[in-house]
PDB file of N, CA and C in Angstrom:
ATOM      1  N   UNK A   1      19.333  15.788   6.396  1.00  0.00           N
ATOM      2  CA  UNK A   1      17.997  16.190   6.753  1.00  0.00           C
ATOM      3  C   UNK A   1      17.261  14.965   7.284  1.00  0.00           C
ATOM      4  N   UNK A   2      16.653  15.127   8.405  1.00  0.00           N
ATOM      5  CA  UNK A   2      15.948  14.023   9.044  1.00  0.00           C
ATOM      6  C   UNK A   2      14.595  13.821   8.369  1.00  0.00           C
ATOM      7  N   UNK A   3      14.241  12.577   8.204  1.00  0.00           N
ATOM      8  CA  UNK A   3      12.945  12.240   7.625  1.00  0.00           C
ATOM      9  C   UNK A   3      11.937  12.123   8.753  1.00  0.00           C
ATOM     10  N   UNK A   4      10.860  12.875   8.654  1.00  0.00           N
ATOM     11  CA  UNK A   4       9.840  12.811   9.689  1.00  0.00           C
ATOM     12  C   UNK A   4       8.960  11.591   9.459  1.00  0.00           C
ATOM     13  N   UNK A   5       8.667  10.900  10.529  1.00  0.00           N
ATOM     14  CA  UNK A   5       7.725   9.795  10.399  1.00  0.00           C
ATOM     15  C   UNK A   5       6.327  10.388  10.337  1.00  0.00           C
ATOM     16  N   UNK A   6       5.536   9.831   9.504  1.00  0.00           N
ATOM     17  CA  UNK A   6       4.185  10.354   9.298  1.00  0.00           C
ATOM     18  C   UNK A   6       3.231   9.732  10.306  1.00  0.00           C
ATOM     19  N   UNK A   7       2.546  10.560  11.021  1.00  0.00           N
ATOM     20  CA  UNK A   7       1.579  10.089  12.002  1.00  0.00           C
ATOM     21  C   UNK A   7       0.335   9.592  11.284  1.00  0.00           C
ATOM     22  N   UNK A   8      -0.192   8.485  11.744  1.00  0.00           N
ATOM     23  CA  UNK A   8      -1.414   7.953  11.160  1.00  0.00           C
ATOM     24  C   UNK A   8      -2.644   8.583  11.781  1.00  0.00           C
ATOM     25  N   UNK A   9      -2.485   9.229  12.887  1.00  0.00           N
ATOM     26  CA  UNK A   9      -3.624   9.808  13.586  1.00  0.00           C
ATOM     27  C   UNK A   9      -4.173  10.998  12.801  1.00  0.00           C
ATOM     28  N   UNK A  10      -5.486  10.984  12.598  1.00  0.00           N
ATOM     29  CA  UNK A  10      -6.144  12.119  11.996  1.00  0.00           C
ATOM     30  C   UNK A  10      -6.182  12.148  10.486  1.00  0.00           C
ATOM     31  N   UNK A  11      -5.307  11.440   9.807  1.00  0.00           N
ATOM     32  CA  UNK A  11      -5.348  11.476   8.349  1.00  0.00           C
ATOM     33  C   UNK A  11      -5.214  10.078   7.733  1.00  0.00           C
ATOM     34  N   UNK A  12      -5.557   9.093   8.499  1.00  0.00           N
ATOM     35  CA  UNK A  12      -5.474   7.725   8.011  1.00  0.00           C
ATOM     36  C   UNK A  12      -6.816   7.287   7.447  1.00  0.00           C
ATOM     37  N   UNK A  13      -6.794   6.792   6.258  1.00  0.00           N
ATOM     38  CA  UNK A  13      -8.008   6.240   5.653  1.00  0.00           C
ATOM     39  C   UNK A  13      -7.706   4.794   5.271  1.00  0.00           C
ATOM     40  N   UNK A  14      -8.448   3.834   5.813  1.00  0.00           N
ATOM     41  CA  UNK A  14      -8.174   2.442   5.474  1.00  0.00           C
ATOM     42  C   UNK A  14      -8.426   2.181   3.997  1.00  0.00           C
ATOM     43  N   UNK A  15      -7.703   1.259   3.450  1.00  0.00           N
ATOM     44  CA  UNK A  15      -7.898   0.886   2.050  1.00  0.00           C
ATOM     45  C   UNK A  15      -9.275   0.267   1.896  1.00  0.00           C
ATOM     46  N   UNK A  16      -9.918   0.575   0.776  1.00  0.00           N
ATOM     47  CA  UNK A  16     -11.265   0.066   0.521  1.00  0.00           C
ATOM     48  C   UNK A  16     -11.329  -1.457   0.567  1.00  0.00           C
ATOM     49  N   UNK A  17     -10.286  -2.115   0.107  1.00  0.00           N
ATOM     50  CA  UNK A  17     -10.329  -3.580   0.083  1.00  0.00           C
ATOM     51  C   UNK A  17     -10.179  -4.185   1.476  1.00  0.00           C
ATOM     52  N   UNK A  18      -9.861  -3.372   2.479  1.00  0.00           N
ATOM     53  CA  UNK A  18      -9.724  -3.856   3.847  1.00  0.00           C
ATOM     54  C   UNK A  18     -10.986  -3.626   4.676  1.00  0.00           C
ATOM     55  N   UNK A  19     -11.926  -2.845   4.143  1.00  0.00           N
ATOM     56  CA  UNK A  19     -13.154  -2.552   4.868  1.00  0.00           C
ATOM     57  C   UNK A  19     -14.139  -3.690   4.643  1.00  0.00           C
ATOM     58  N   UNK A  20     -14.617  -4.240   5.731  1.00  0.00           N
ATOM     59  CA  UNK A  20     -15.577  -5.336   5.632  1.00  0.00           C
ATOM     60  C   UNK A  20     -16.929  -4.804   5.191  1.00  0.00           C
ATOM     61  N   UNK A  21     -17.575  -5.482   4.244  1.00  0.00           N
ATOM     62  CA  UNK A  21     -18.893  -5.014   3.798  1.00  0.00           C
ATOM     63  C   UNK A  21     -19.950  -5.228   4.875  1.00  0.00           C
ATOM     64  N   UNK A  22     -21.006  -4.464   4.778  1.00  0.00           N
ATOM     65  CA  UNK A  22     -22.173  -4.656   5.635  1.00  0.00           C
ATOM     66  C   UNK A  22     -22.988  -5.762   4.993  1.00  0.00           C
ATOM     67  N   UNK A  23     -23.148  -6.856   5.696  1.00  0.00           N
ATOM     68  CA  UNK A  23     -23.890  -7.992   5.159  1.00  0.00           C
ATOM     69  C   UNK A  23     -25.334  -7.919   5.647  1.00  0.00           C
ATOM     70  N   UNK A  24     -26.278  -8.008   4.714  1.00  0.00           N
ATOM     71  CA  UNK A  24     -27.691  -7.989   5.081  1.00  0.00           C
ATOM     72  C   UNK A  24     -28.374  -9.244   4.553  1.00  0.00           C
ATOM     73  N   UNK A  25     -29.392  -9.670   5.255  1.00  0.00           N
ATOM     74  CA  UNK A  25     -30.181 -10.825   4.833  1.00  0.00           C
ATOM     75  C   UNK A  25     -30.965 -10.449   3.581  1.00  0.00           C
ATOM     76  N   UNK A  26     -31.281 -11.420   2.732  1.00  0.00           N
ATOM     77  CA  UNK A  26     -32.027 -11.125   1.504  1.00  0.00           C
ATOM     78  C   UNK A  26     -33.482 -10.730   1.750  1.00  0.00           C
ATOM     79  N   UNK A  27     -33.986 -11.015   2.927  1.00  0.00           N
ATOM     80  CA  UNK A  27     -35.352 -10.618   3.296  1.00  0.00           C
ATOM     81  C   UNK A  27     -35.314 -10.007   4.694  1.00  0.00           C
ATOM     82  N   UNK A  28     -36.341  -9.231   5.008  1.00  0.00           N
ATOM     83  CA  UNK A  28     -36.463  -8.637   6.335  1.00  0.00           C
ATOM     84  C   UNK A  28     -37.664  -9.273   7.020  1.00  0.00           C
ATOM     85  N   UNK A  29     -37.453  -9.815   8.187  1.00  0.00           N
ATOM     86  CA  UNK A  29     -38.529 -10.507   8.903  1.00  0.00           C
ATOM     87  C   UNK A  29     -39.173  -9.634   9.983  1.00  0.00           C
ATOM     88  N   UNK A  30     -38.767  -8.375  10.079  1.00  0.00           N
ATOM     89  CA  UNK A  30     -39.372  -7.468  11.051  1.00  0.00           C
ATOM     90  C   UNK A  30     -40.800  -7.121  10.614  1.00  0.00           C
ATOM     91  N   UNK A  31     -41.644  -6.720  11.549  1.00  0.00           N
ATOM     92  CA  UNK A  31     -43.015  -6.355  11.174  1.00  0.00           C
ATOM     93  C   UNK A  31     -43.040  -5.184  10.195  1.00  0.00           C
ATOM     94  N   UNK A  32     -43.962  -5.252   9.258  1.00  0.00           N
ATOM     95  CA  UNK A  32     -44.127  -4.187   8.271  1.00  0.00           C
ATOM     96  C   UNK A  32     -44.934  -3.060   8.910  1.00  0.00           C
ATOM     97  N   UNK A  33     -44.414  -1.833   8.866  1.00  0.00           N
ATOM     98  CA  UNK A  33     -45.184  -0.714   9.434  1.00  0.00           C
ATOM     99  C   UNK A  33     -46.483  -0.491   8.655  1.00  0.00           C
ATOM    100  N   UNK A  34     -47.444   0.114   9.323  1.00  0.00           N
ATOM    101  CA  UNK A  34     -48.688   0.475   8.652  1.00  0.00           C
ATOM    102  C   UNK A  34     -48.414   1.552   7.619  1.00  0.00           C
ATOM    103  N   UNK A  35     -49.210   1.541   6.549  1.00  0.00           N
ATOM    104  CA  UNK A  35     -49.139   2.619   5.574  1.00  0.00           C
ATOM    105  C   UNK A  35     -49.531   3.929   6.254  1.00  0.00           C
ATOM    106  N   UNK A  36     -48.846   5.008   5.940  1.00  0.00           N
ATOM    107  CA  UNK A  36     -49.189   6.284   6.564  1.00  0.00           C
ATOM    108  C   UNK A  36     -50.614   6.729   6.198  1.00  0.00           C
ATOM    109  N   UNK A  37     -51.246   7.392   7.138  1.00  0.00           N
ATOM    110  CA  UNK A  37     -52.575   7.959   6.896  1.00  0.00           C
ATOM    111  C   UNK A  37     -52.431   9.206   6.029  1.00  0.00           C
ATOM    112  N   UNK A  38     -53.547   9.659   5.495  1.00  0.00           N
ATOM    113  CA  UNK A  38     -53.522  10.909   4.752  1.00  0.00           C
ATOM    114  C   UNK A  38     -53.804  10.777   3.279  1.00  0.00           C
ATOM    115  N   UNK A  39     -53.860   9.565   2.777  1.00  0.00           N
ATOM    116  CA  UNK A  39     -54.197   9.349   1.372  1.00  0.00           C
ATOM    117  C   UNK A  39     -54.818   7.967   1.239  1.00  0.00           C
ATOM    118  N   UNK A  40     -55.491   7.757   0.134  1.00  0.00           N
ATOM    119  CA  UNK A  40     -56.048   6.442  -0.166  1.00  0.00           C
ATOM    120  C   UNK A  40     -55.009   5.680  -0.982  1.00  0.00           C
ATOM    121  N   UNK A  41     -54.581   4.553  -0.462  1.00  0.00           N
ATOM    122  CA  UNK A  41     -53.559   3.738  -1.118  1.00  0.00           C
ATOM    123  C   UNK A  41     -54.235   2.729  -2.031  1.00  0.00           C
ATOM    124  N   UNK A  42     -53.684   2.546  -3.231  1.00  0.00           N
ATOM    125  CA  UNK A  42     -54.217   1.537  -4.136  1.00  0.00           C
ATOM    126  C   UNK A  42     -53.758   0.161  -3.669  1.00  0.00           C
ATOM    127  N   UNK A  43     -54.392  -0.857  -4.181  1.00  0.00           N
ATOM    128  CA  UNK A  43     -54.004  -2.230  -3.841  1.00  0.00           C
ATOM    129  C   UNK A  43     -52.554  -2.481  -4.254  1.00  0.00           C
ATOM    130  N   UNK A  44     -52.180  -2.008  -5.435  1.00  0.00           N
ATOM    131  CA  UNK A  44     -50.808  -2.214  -5.920  1.00  0.00           C
ATOM    132  C   UNK A  44     -49.795  -1.469  -5.036  1.00  0.00           C
ATOM    133  N   UNK A  45     -50.139  -0.259  -4.596  1.00  0.00           N
ATOM    134  CA  UNK A  45     -49.241   0.484  -3.714  1.00  0.00           C
ATOM    135  C   UNK A  45     -49.089  -0.225  -2.370  1.00  0.00           C
ATOM    136  N   UNK A  46     -50.174  -0.773  -1.847  1.00  0.00           N
ATOM    137  CA  UNK A  46     -50.112  -1.519  -0.588  1.00  0.00           C
ATOM    138  C   UNK A  46     -49.247  -2.774  -0.751  1.00  0.00           C
ATOM    139  N   UNK A  47     -49.353  -3.434  -1.896  1.00  0.00           N
ATOM    140  CA  UNK A  47     -48.514  -4.610  -2.156  1.00  0.00           C
ATOM    141  C   UNK A  47     -47.040  -4.213  -2.238  1.00  0.00           C
ATOM    142  N   UNK A  48     -46.788  -3.106  -2.929  1.00  0.00           N
ATOM    143  CA  UNK A  48     -45.404  -2.642  -3.073  1.00  0.00           C
ATOM    144  C   UNK A  48     -44.826  -2.262  -1.713  1.00  0.00           C
ATOM    145  N   UNK A  49     -45.653  -1.652  -0.857  1.00  0.00           N
ATOM    146  CA  UNK A  49     -45.251  -1.318   0.510  1.00  0.00           C
ATOM    147  C   UNK A  49     -44.786  -2.579   1.239  1.00  0.00           C
ATOM    148  N   UNK A  50     -45.574  -3.626   1.149  1.00  0.00           N
ATOM    149  CA  UNK A  50     -45.226  -4.910   1.780  1.00  0.00           C
ATOM    150  C   UNK A  50     -43.917  -5.449   1.198  1.00  0.00           C
ATOM    151  N   UNK A  51     -43.780  -5.400  -0.137  1.00  0.00           N
ATOM    152  CA  UNK A  51     -42.566  -5.898  -0.798  1.00  0.00           C
ATOM    153  C   UNK A  51     -41.326  -5.150  -0.311  1.00  0.00           C
ATOM    154  N   UNK A  52     -41.420  -3.831  -0.265  1.00  0.00           N
ATOM    155  CA  UNK A  52     -40.258  -3.031   0.139  1.00  0.00           C
ATOM    156  C   UNK A  52     -39.859  -3.308   1.580  1.00  0.00           C
ATOM    157  N   UNK A  53     -40.831  -3.356   2.485  1.00  0.00           N
ATOM    158  CA  UNK A  53     -40.516  -3.573   3.905  1.00  0.00           C
ATOM    159  C   UNK A  53     -40.131  -5.024   4.201  1.00  0.00           C
ATOM    160  N   UNK A  54     -40.318  -5.918   3.234  1.00  0.00           N
ATOM    161  CA  UNK A  54     -39.892  -7.309   3.384  1.00  0.00           C
ATOM    162  C   UNK A  54     -38.578  -7.573   2.653  1.00  0.00           C
ATOM    163  N   UNK A  55     -38.093  -6.581   1.922  1.00  0.00           N
ATOM    164  CA  UNK A  55     -36.866  -6.747   1.141  1.00  0.00           C
ATOM    165  C   UNK A  55     -35.632  -6.697   2.031  1.00  0.00           C
ATOM    166  N   UNK A  56     -34.522  -7.121   1.489  1.00  0.00           N
ATOM    167  CA  UNK A  56     -33.269  -7.073   2.230  1.00  0.00           C
ATOM    168  C   UNK A  56     -32.887  -5.664   2.646  1.00  0.00           C
ATOM    169  N   UNK A  57     -33.163  -4.678   1.791  1.00  0.00           N
ATOM    170  CA  UNK A  57     -32.817  -3.292   2.111  1.00  0.00           C
ATOM    171  C   UNK A  57     -33.513  -2.819   3.380  1.00  0.00           C
ATOM    172  N   UNK A  58     -34.701  -3.337   3.663  1.00  0.00           N
ATOM    173  CA  UNK A  58     -35.447  -2.919   4.854  1.00  0.00           C
ATOM    174  C   UNK A  58     -34.707  -3.262   6.143  1.00  0.00           C
ATOM    175  N   UNK A  59     -33.762  -4.196   6.080  1.00  0.00           N
ATOM    176  CA  UNK A  59     -32.937  -4.500   7.258  1.00  0.00           C
ATOM    177  C   UNK A  59     -32.110  -3.296   7.681  1.00  0.00           C
ATOM    178  N   UNK A  60     -31.910  -2.345   6.787  1.00  0.00           N
ATOM    179  CA  UNK A  60     -31.113  -1.155   7.066  1.00  0.00           C
ATOM    180  C   UNK A  60     -31.959   0.011   7.564  1.00  0.00           C
ATOM    181  N   UNK A  61     -33.265  -0.097   7.441  1.00  0.00           N
ATOM    182  CA  UNK A  61     -34.156   1.024   7.743  1.00  0.00           C
ATOM    183  C   UNK A  61     -34.656   0.966   9.176  1.00  0.00           C
ATOM    184  N   UNK A  62     -35.026   2.123   9.667  1.00  0.00           N
ATOM    185  CA  UNK A  62     -35.711   2.212  10.950  1.00  0.00           C
ATOM    186  C   UNK A  62     -37.066   2.860  10.704  1.00  0.00           C
ATOM    187  N   UNK A  63     -37.851   2.941  11.735  1.00  0.00           N
ATOM    188  CA  UNK A  63     -39.204   3.492  11.600  1.00  0.00           C
ATOM    189  C   UNK A  63     -39.197   4.941  11.107  1.00  0.00           C
ATOM    190  N   UNK A  64     -38.085   5.639  11.270  1.00  0.00           N
ATOM    191  CA  UNK A  64     -38.061   7.046  10.859  1.00  0.00           C
ATOM    192  C   UNK A  64     -38.028   7.245   9.352  1.00  0.00           C
ATOM    193  N   UNK A  65     -37.897   6.193   8.561  1.00  0.00           N
ATOM    194  CA  UNK A  65     -37.926   6.336   7.099  1.00  0.00           C
ATOM    195  C   UNK A  65     -39.277   5.943   6.504  1.00  0.00           C
ATOM    196  N   UNK A  66     -40.273   5.727   7.348  1.00  0.00           N
ATOM    197  CA  UNK A  66     -41.602   5.348   6.859  1.00  0.00           C
ATOM    198  C   UNK A  66     -42.101   6.356   5.823  1.00  0.00           C
ATOM    199  N   UNK A  67     -41.970   7.629   6.120  1.00  0.00           N
ATOM    200  CA  UNK A  67     -42.430   8.659   5.191  1.00  0.00           C
ATOM    201  C   UNK A  67     -41.676   8.655   3.879  1.00  0.00           C
ATOM    202  N   UNK A  68     -40.372   8.438   3.949  1.00  0.00           N
ATOM    203  CA  UNK A  68     -39.550   8.408   2.736  1.00  0.00           C
ATOM    204  C   UNK A  68     -39.947   7.218   1.867  1.00  0.00           C
ATOM    205  N   UNK A  69     -40.157   6.064   2.493  1.00  0.00           N
ATOM    206  CA  UNK A  69     -40.579   4.881   1.738  1.00  0.00           C
ATOM    207  C   UNK A  69     -41.963   5.127   1.125  1.00  0.00           C
ATOM    208  N   UNK A  70     -42.837   5.809   1.858  1.00  0.00           N
ATOM    209  CA  UNK A  70     -44.170   6.124   1.338  1.00  0.00           C
ATOM    210  C   UNK A  70     -44.064   7.020   0.101  1.00  0.00           C
ATOM    211  N   UNK A  71     -43.201   8.035   0.162  1.00  0.00           N
ATOM    212  CA  UNK A  71     -42.994   8.909  -0.998  1.00  0.00           C
ATOM    213  C   UNK A  71     -42.465   8.094  -2.170  1.00  0.00           C
ATOM    214  N   UNK A  72     -41.542   7.189  -1.903  1.00  0.00           N
ATOM    215  CA  UNK A  72     -41.002   6.330  -2.953  1.00  0.00           C
ATOM    216  C   UNK A  72     -42.122   5.527  -3.620  1.00  0.00           C
ATOM    217  N   UNK A  73     -43.001   4.938  -2.813  1.00  0.00           N
ATOM    218  CA  UNK A  73     -44.107   4.132  -3.355  1.00  0.00           C
ATOM    219  C   UNK A  73     -45.015   4.994  -4.230  1.00  0.00           C
ATOM    220  N   UNK A  74     -45.347   6.193  -3.771  1.00  0.00           N
ATOM    221  CA  UNK A  74     -46.216   7.083  -4.542  1.00  0.00           C
ATOM    222  C   UNK A  74     -45.547   7.483  -5.855  1.00  0.00           C
ATOM    223  N   UNK A  75     -44.277   7.879  -5.798  1.00  0.00           N
ATOM    224  CA  UNK A  75     -43.569   8.287  -7.011  1.00  0.00           C
ATOM    225  C   UNK A  75     -43.409   7.131  -7.987  1.00  0.00           C
ATOM    226  N   UNK A  76     -43.133   5.943  -7.455  1.00  0.00           N
ATOM    227  CA  UNK A  76     -43.011   4.777  -8.319  1.00  0.00           C
ATOM    228  C   UNK A  76     -44.345   4.492  -9.015  1.00  0.00           C
ATOM    229  N   UNK A  77     -45.425   4.613  -8.283  1.00  0.00           N
ATOM    230  CA  UNK A  77     -46.751   4.402  -8.844  1.00  0.00           C
ATOM    231  C   UNK A  77     -47.032   5.420  -9.951  1.00  0.00           C
ATOM    232  N   UNK A  78     -46.695   6.684  -9.699  1.00  0.00           N
ATOM    233  CA  UNK A  78     -46.892   7.720 -10.710  1.00  0.00           C
ATOM    234  C   UNK A  78     -46.036   7.458 -11.940  1.00  0.00           C
ATOM    235  N   UNK A  79     -44.799   7.018 -11.719  1.00  0.00           N
ATOM    236  CA  UNK A  79     -43.904   6.705 -12.834  1.00  0.00           C
ATOM    237  C   UNK A  79     -44.491   5.584 -13.691  1.00  0.00           C
ATOM    238  N   UNK A  80     -44.947   4.529 -13.046  1.00  0.00           N
ATOM    239  CA  UNK A  80     -45.489   3.386 -13.790  1.00  0.00           C
ATOM    240  C   UNK A  80     -46.772   3.741 -14.531  1.00  0.00           C
ATOM    241  N   UNK A  81     -47.481   4.762 -14.053  1.00  0.00           N
ATOM    242  CA  UNK A  81     -48.702   5.217 -14.721  1.00  0.00           C
ATOM    243  C   UNK A  81     -48.429   6.346 -15.707  1.00  0.00           C
ATOM    244  N   UNK A  82     -47.166   6.689 -15.926  1.00  0.00           N
ATOM    245  CA  UNK A  82     -46.801   7.715 -16.891  1.00  0.00           C
ATOM    246  C   UNK A  82     -47.132   9.128 -16.449  1.00  0.00           C
ATOM    247  N   UNK A  83     -47.256   9.349 -15.146  1.00  0.00           N
ATOM    248  CA  UNK A  83     -47.626  10.675 -14.637  1.00  0.00           C
ATOM    249  C   UNK A  83     -46.521  11.262 -13.769  1.00  0.00           C
ATOM    250  N   UNK A  84     -45.347  11.379 -14.321  1.00  0.00           N
ATOM    251  CA  UNK A  84     -44.245  11.914 -13.518  1.00  0.00           C
ATOM    252  C   UNK A  84     -43.371  12.801 -14.405  1.00  0.00           C
ATOM    253  N   UNK A  85     -42.954  13.934 -13.871  1.00  0.00           N
ATOM    254  CA  UNK A  85     -42.109  14.851 -14.625  1.00  0.00           C
ATOM    255  C   UNK A  85     -40.643  14.447 -14.480  1.00  0.00           C
ATOM    256  N   UNK A  86     -39.816  15.015 -15.325  1.00  0.00           N
ATOM    257  CA  UNK A  86     -38.384  14.710 -15.268  1.00  0.00           C
ATOM    258  C   UNK A  86     -37.782  15.112 -13.929  1.00  0.00           C
ATOM    259  N   UNK A  87     -38.199  16.252 -13.392  1.00  0.00           N
ATOM    260  CA  UNK A  87     -37.679  16.700 -12.104  1.00  0.00           C
ATOM    261  C   UNK A  87     -38.045  15.760 -10.976  1.00  0.00           C
ATOM    262  N   UNK A  88     -39.288  15.307 -10.988  1.00  0.00           N
ATOM    263  CA  UNK A  88     -39.748  14.382  -9.949  1.00  0.00           C
ATOM    264  C   UNK A  88     -39.060  13.030 -10.121  1.00  0.00           C
ATOM    265  N   UNK A  89     -38.800  12.648 -11.357  1.00  0.00           N
ATOM    266  CA  UNK A  89     -38.088  11.397 -11.606  1.00  0.00           C
ATOM    267  C   UNK A  89     -36.697  11.432 -10.974  1.00  0.00           C
ATOM    268  N   UNK A  90     -36.055  12.594 -11.015  1.00  0.00           N
ATOM    269  CA  UNK A  90     -34.755  12.745 -10.357  1.00  0.00           C
ATOM    270  C   UNK A  90     -34.856  12.533  -8.854  1.00  0.00           C
ATOM    271  N   UNK A  91     -35.900  13.050  -8.249  1.00  0.00           N
ATOM    272  CA  UNK A  91     -36.132  12.836  -6.817  1.00  0.00           C
ATOM    273  C   UNK A  91     -36.356  11.356  -6.524  1.00  0.00           C
ATOM    274  N   UNK A  92     -37.124  10.707  -7.378  1.00  0.00           N
ATOM    275  CA  UNK A  92     -37.390   9.274  -7.239  1.00  0.00           C
ATOM    276  C   UNK A  92     -36.081   8.487  -7.237  1.00  0.00           C
ATOM    277  N   UNK A  93     -35.209   8.811  -8.164  1.00  0.00           N
ATOM    278  CA  UNK A  93     -33.909   8.124  -8.244  1.00  0.00           C
ATOM    279  C   UNK A  93     -33.077   8.365  -6.985  1.00  0.00           C
ATOM    280  N   UNK A  94     -33.094   9.593  -6.478  1.00  0.00           N
ATOM    281  CA  UNK A  94     -32.333   9.893  -5.267  1.00  0.00           C
ATOM    282  C   UNK A  94     -32.869   9.123  -4.067  1.00  0.00           C
ATOM    283  N   UNK A  95     -34.169   9.028  -3.960  1.00  0.00           N
ATOM    284  CA  UNK A  95     -34.756   8.277  -2.855  1.00  0.00           C
ATOM    285  C   UNK A  95     -34.373   6.804  -2.958  1.00  0.00           C
ATOM    286  N   UNK A  96     -34.429   6.252  -4.163  1.00  0.00           N
ATOM    287  CA  UNK A  96     -34.031   4.853  -4.358  1.00  0.00           C
ATOM    288  C   UNK A  96     -32.591   4.635  -3.918  1.00  0.00           C
ATOM    289  N   UNK A  97     -31.716   5.581  -4.229  1.00  0.00           N
ATOM    290  CA  UNK A  97     -30.317   5.487  -3.817  1.00  0.00           C
ATOM    291  C   UNK A  97     -30.189   5.575  -2.298  1.00  0.00           C
ATOM    292  N   UNK A  98     -30.909   6.507  -1.682  1.00  0.00           N
ATOM    293  CA  UNK A  98     -30.816   6.695  -0.235  1.00  0.00           C
ATOM    294  C   UNK A  98     -31.343   5.495   0.535  1.00  0.00           C
ATOM    295  N   UNK A  99     -32.302   4.798  -0.047  1.00  0.00           N
ATOM    296  CA  UNK A  99     -32.863   3.618   0.614  1.00  0.00           C
ATOM    297  C   UNK A  99     -32.103   2.333   0.263  1.00  0.00           C
ATOM    298  N   UNK A 100     -31.007   2.457  -0.478  1.00  0.00           N
ATOM    299  CA  UNK A 100     -30.173   1.312  -0.891  1.00  0.00           C
ATOM    300  C   UNK A 100     -30.988   0.300  -1.686  1.00  0.00           C
ATOM    301  N   UNK A 101     -31.849   0.800  -2.574  1.00  0.00           N
ATOM    302  CA  UNK A 101     -32.691  -0.080  -3.380  1.00  0.00           C
ATOM    303  C   UNK A 101     -32.089  -0.409  -4.737  1.00  0.00           C
ATOM    304  N   UNK A 102     -30.961   0.194  -5.062  1.00  0.00           N
ATOM    305  CA  UNK A 102     -30.332  -0.078  -6.351  1.00  0.00           C
ATOM    306  C   UNK A 102     -29.001  -0.800  -6.141  1.00  0.00           C
ATOM    307  N   UNK A 103     -28.607  -1.612  -7.107  1.00  0.00           N
ATOM    308  CA  UNK A 103     -27.295  -2.267  -6.982  1.00  0.00           C
ATOM    309  C   UNK A 103     -26.153  -1.259  -6.847  1.00  0.00           C
ATOM    310  N   UNK A 104     -26.219  -0.156  -7.579  1.00  0.00           N
ATOM    311  CA  UNK A 104     -25.147   0.851  -7.501  1.00  0.00           C
ATOM    312  C   UNK A 104     -25.052   1.462  -6.109  1.00  0.00           C
ATOM    313  N   UNK A 105     -26.192   1.725  -5.484  1.00  0.00           N
ATOM    314  CA  UNK A 105     -26.145   2.316  -4.141  1.00  0.00           C
ATOM    315  C   UNK A 105     -25.600   1.320  -3.129  1.00  0.00           C
ATOM    316  N   UNK A 106     -25.916   0.040  -3.295  1.00  0.00           N
ATOM    317  CA  UNK A 106     -25.385  -0.963  -2.362  1.00  0.00           C
ATOM    318  C   UNK A 106     -23.874  -1.108  -2.527  1.00  0.00           C
ATOM    319  N   UNK A 107     -23.390  -0.999  -3.746  1.00  0.00           N
ATOM    320  CA  UNK A 107     -21.940  -1.056  -3.968  1.00  0.00           C
ATOM    321  C   UNK A 107     -21.271   0.159  -3.323  1.00  0.00           C
ATOM    322  N   UNK A 108     -21.842   1.342  -3.553  1.00  0.00           N
ATOM    323  CA  UNK A 108     -21.280   2.581  -3.004  1.00  0.00           C
ATOM    324  C   UNK A 108     -21.268   2.554  -1.484  1.00  0.00           C
ATOM    325  N   UNK A 109     -22.307   1.983  -0.879  1.00  0.00           N
ATOM    326  CA  UNK A 109     -22.407   1.916   0.575  1.00  0.00           C
ATOM    327  C   UNK A 109     -21.711   0.685   1.169  1.00  0.00           C
ATOM    328  N   UNK A 110     -21.115  -0.136   0.297  1.00  0.00           N
ATOM    329  CA  UNK A 110     -20.412  -1.354   0.714  1.00  0.00           C
ATOM    330  C   UNK A 110     -21.355  -2.328   1.419  1.00  0.00           C
ATOM    331  N   UNK A 111     -22.530  -2.500   0.831  1.00  0.00           N
ATOM    332  CA  UNK A 111     -23.537  -3.415   1.364  1.00  0.00           C
ATOM    333  C   UNK A 111     -23.606  -4.627   0.455  1.00  0.00           C
ATOM    334  N   UNK A 112     -23.595  -5.787   1.060  1.00  0.00           N
ATOM    335  CA  UNK A 112     -23.712  -7.030   0.304  1.00  0.00           C
ATOM    336  C   UNK A 112     -24.898  -7.820   0.833  1.00  0.00           C
ATOM    337  N   UNK A 113     -25.656  -8.424  -0.072  1.00  0.00           N
ATOM    338  CA  UNK A 113     -26.787  -9.252   0.306  1.00  0.00           C
ATOM    339  C   UNK A 113     -26.295 -10.680   0.465  1.00  0.00           C
ATOM    340  N   UNK A 114     -26.597 -11.276   1.600  1.00  0.00           N
ATOM    341  CA  UNK A 114     -26.209 -12.666   1.834  1.00  0.00           C
ATOM    342  C   UNK A 114     -26.901 -13.572   0.817  1.00  0.00           C
ATOM    343  N   UNK A 115     -26.288 -14.699   0.540  1.00  0.00           N
ATOM    344  CA  UNK A 115     -26.861 -15.651  -0.409  1.00  0.00           C
ATOM    345  C   UNK A 115     -28.218 -16.187   0.043  1.00  0.00           C
ATOM    346  N   UNK A 116     -28.330 -16.406   1.340  1.00  0.00           N
ATOM    347  CA  UNK A 116     -29.602 -16.882   1.897  1.00  0.00           C
ATOM    348  C   UNK A 116     -29.773 -16.275   3.281  1.00  0.00           C
ATOM    349  N   UNK A 117     -30.978 -16.366   3.808  1.00  0.00           N
ATOM    350  CA  UNK A 117     -31.260 -15.801   5.136  1.00  0.00           C
ATOM    351  C   UNK A 117     -30.484 -16.515   6.231  1.00  0.00           C
ATOM    352  N   UNK A 118     -30.027 -17.754   5.963  1.00  0.00           N
ATOM    353  CA  UNK A 118     -29.336 -18.555   6.975  1.00  0.00           C
ATOM    354  C   UNK A 118     -27.852 -18.226   7.095  1.00  0.00           C
ATOM    355  N   UNK A 119     -27.278 -17.536   6.088  1.00  0.00           N
ATOM    356  CA  UNK A 119     -25.832 -17.236   6.098  1.00  0.00           C
ATOM    357  C   UNK A 119     -25.446 -16.294   7.216  1.00  0.00           C
TER     358      UNK A 119
END
């Protein structure tokens, strides 16, 4: 019986250890978008907005996630003030994962933060 050679086309998945990680700078030097209109932002929320858009994760974002980041800031503020339900807390966690703001999400997405901005 002849042994068929297995084609790599269409069903080849590279080994995880061979995939190069996405390297991001520890800070983002792009301009910080304006806070969305429609609500009054607290000073702490405005500061957090600046922190998030200056973080290394912001190197992965485009302007189309402004609303998602805004929701994250609002939910985080509510959480810190003790005004968040368990269901909303689950949404908060999912948003944090989608924005690559947690170490676990960066590992899952194969994202590594460079040691310094110069690397």
